[in-house]
Amino acid sequence: MTFQELQPGQLVRIARIHALLGELAPVVQVEADMHQCTDGTCGCWVVTTRDIETGRARPYHRPADFPVTVITPAA
């Protein structure tokens, strides 16, 4: 699945852009609808998530075609 296809409610792993080989991304829940970056100089998308282990909110800023690992489908 790609970053642009994420929907609220899904549990996913979104890797760091420059992740090390074998590095495991945290499990996060997609909380808010995706929107395009307002910078205007990139074609990236932004989505708000919540880390399952820490409970911290975290925005992710990635290209639309960035691969993600889906753990559970959208409700």
C-alpha atoms as a PDB file:
ATOM      1  CA  MET A   1       0.000   0.000   0.000  1.00  0.00           C
ATOM      2  CA  THR A   2       1.159   3.572  -0.544  1.00  0.00           C
ATOM      3  CA  PHE A   3       1.148   6.547   1.801  1.00  0.00           C
ATOM      4  CA  GLN A   4      -1.582   8.335  -0.159  1.00  0.00           C
ATOM      5  CA  GLU A   5      -3.987   5.393   0.314  1.00  0.00           C
ATOM      6  CA  LEU A   6      -3.998   5.569   4.137  1.00  0.00           C
ATOM      7  CA  GLN A   7      -7.343   6.059   5.874  1.00  0.00           C
ATOM      8  CA  PRO A   8      -8.297   6.972   9.455  1.00  0.00           C
ATOM      9  CA  GLY A   9      -8.445   3.990  11.803  1.00  0.00           C
ATOM     10  CA  GLN A  10      -5.753   1.906  10.133  1.00  0.00           C
ATOM     11  CA  LEU A  11      -2.812   0.544  12.095  1.00  0.00           C
ATOM     12  CA  VAL A  12       0.324   0.885   9.996  1.00  0.00           C
ATOM     13  CA  ARG A  13       4.094   1.088  10.040  1.00  0.00           C
ATOM     14  CA  ILE A  14       5.513   4.124   8.240  1.00  0.00           C
ATOM     15  CA  ALA A  15       9.279   3.842   7.880  1.00  0.00           C
ATOM     16  CA  ARG A  16      11.677   6.738   8.174  1.00  0.00           C
ATOM     17  CA  ILE A  17      12.751   8.155   4.808  1.00  0.00           C
ATOM     18  CA  HIS A  18      16.376   7.119   5.476  1.00  0.00           C
ATOM     19  CA  ALA A  19      15.692   4.027   7.581  1.00  0.00           C
ATOM     20  CA  LEU A  20      18.547   1.661   8.254  1.00  0.00           C
ATOM     21  CA  LEU A  21      18.395  -1.868   6.904  1.00  0.00           C
ATOM     22  CA  GLY A  22      16.309  -3.961   9.298  1.00  0.00           C
ATOM     23  CA  GLU A  23      15.032  -0.955  11.275  1.00  0.00           C
ATOM     24  CA  LEU A  24      11.440  -1.561  12.359  1.00  0.00           C
ATOM     25  CA  ALA A  25       9.087   1.423  12.249  1.00  0.00           C
ATOM     26  CA  PRO A  26       6.707   1.985  15.181  1.00  0.00           C
ATOM     27  CA  VAL A  27       3.073   0.930  14.909  1.00  0.00           C
ATOM     28  CA  VAL A  28       0.867   4.004  14.540  1.00  0.00           C
ATOM     29  CA  GLN A  29      -2.858   4.557  14.100  1.00  0.00           C
ATOM     30  CA  VAL A  30      -3.943   6.950  11.356  1.00  0.00           C
ATOM     31  CA  GLU A  31      -6.049   9.620  13.070  1.00  0.00           C
ATOM     32  CA  ALA A  32      -6.829  12.337  10.564  1.00  0.00           C
ATOM     33  CA  ASP A  33      -7.563  12.592   6.869  1.00  0.00           C
ATOM     34  CA  MET A  34      -4.588  13.185   4.665  1.00  0.00           C
ATOM     35  CA  HIS A  35      -3.870  16.530   3.055  1.00  0.00           C
ATOM     36  CA  GLN A  36      -1.227  17.903   0.735  1.00  0.00           C
ATOM     37  CA  CYS A  37       1.759  19.712   2.205  1.00  0.00           C
ATOM     38  CA  THR A  38       1.180  23.468   2.283  1.00  0.00           C
ATOM     39  CA  ASP A  39       4.835  24.232   1.544  1.00  0.00           C
ATOM     40  CA  GLY A  40       4.086  24.372  -2.187  1.00  0.00           C
ATOM     41  CA  THR A  41       7.595  23.303  -3.194  1.00  0.00           C
ATOM     42  CA  CYS A  42       7.048  19.566  -2.770  1.00  0.00           C
ATOM     43  CA  GLY A  43       4.358  17.107  -3.780  1.00  0.00           C
ATOM     44  CA  CYS A  44       4.218  15.396  -0.400  1.00  0.00           C
ATOM     45  CA  TRP A  45       1.240  14.502   1.760  1.00  0.00           C
ATOM     46  CA  VAL A  46       0.789  14.915   5.525  1.00  0.00           C
ATOM     47  CA  VAL A  47      -1.195  12.653   7.852  1.00  0.00           C
ATOM     48  CA  THR A  48      -1.594  12.748  11.637  1.00  0.00           C
ATOM     49  CA  THR A  49      -1.045   9.496  13.504  1.00  0.00           C
ATOM     50  CA  ARG A  50      -0.805   8.308  17.117  1.00  0.00           C
ATOM     51  CA  ASP A  51       1.994   6.007  18.270  1.00  0.00           C
ATOM     52  CA  ILE A  52       0.432   2.861  19.799  1.00  0.00           C
ATOM     53  CA  GLU A  53       3.178   2.349  22.412  1.00  0.00           C
ATOM     54  CA  THR A  54       3.722   5.934  23.610  1.00  0.00           C
ATOM     55  CA  GLY A  55       0.350   7.529  22.813  1.00  0.00           C
ATOM     56  CA  ARG A  56       2.099  10.507  21.224  1.00  0.00           C
ATOM     57  CA  ALA A  57       0.575  12.261  18.224  1.00  0.00           C
ATOM     58  CA  ARG A  58       2.895  12.477  15.261  1.00  0.00           C
ATOM     59  CA  PRO A  59       2.499  13.946  11.792  1.00  0.00           C
ATOM     60  CA  TYR A  60       4.116  12.134   8.883  1.00  0.00           C
ATOM     61  CA  HIS A  61       5.216  13.973   5.735  1.00  0.00           C
ATOM     62  CA  ARG A  62       5.901  11.613   2.837  1.00  0.00           C
ATOM     63  CA  PRO A  63       5.650  11.377  -0.971  1.00  0.00           C
ATOM     64  CA  ALA A  64       2.299  10.004  -2.187  1.00  0.00           C
ATOM     65  CA  ASP A  65       3.895   6.791  -3.521  1.00  0.00           C
ATOM     66  CA  PHE A  66       5.927   6.058  -0.345  1.00  0.00           C
ATOM     67  CA  PRO A  67       5.351   2.392   0.643  1.00  0.00           C
ATOM     68  CA  VAL A  68       3.775   1.634   4.029  1.00  0.00           C
ATOM     69  CA  THR A  69       3.035  -1.611   5.853  1.00  0.00           C
ATOM     70  CA  VAL A  70      -0.636  -2.007   6.798  1.00  0.00           C
ATOM     71  CA  ILE A  71      -1.360  -4.023   9.939  1.00  0.00           C
ATOM     72  CA  THR A  72      -5.149  -3.569   9.993  1.00  0.00           C
ATOM     73  CA  PRO A  73      -7.453  -2.253   7.266  1.00  0.00           C
ATOM     74  CA  ALA A  74      -9.575   0.872   7.700  1.00  0.00           C
ATOM     75  CA  ALA A  75     -12.767   0.380   9.693  1.00  0.00           C
END
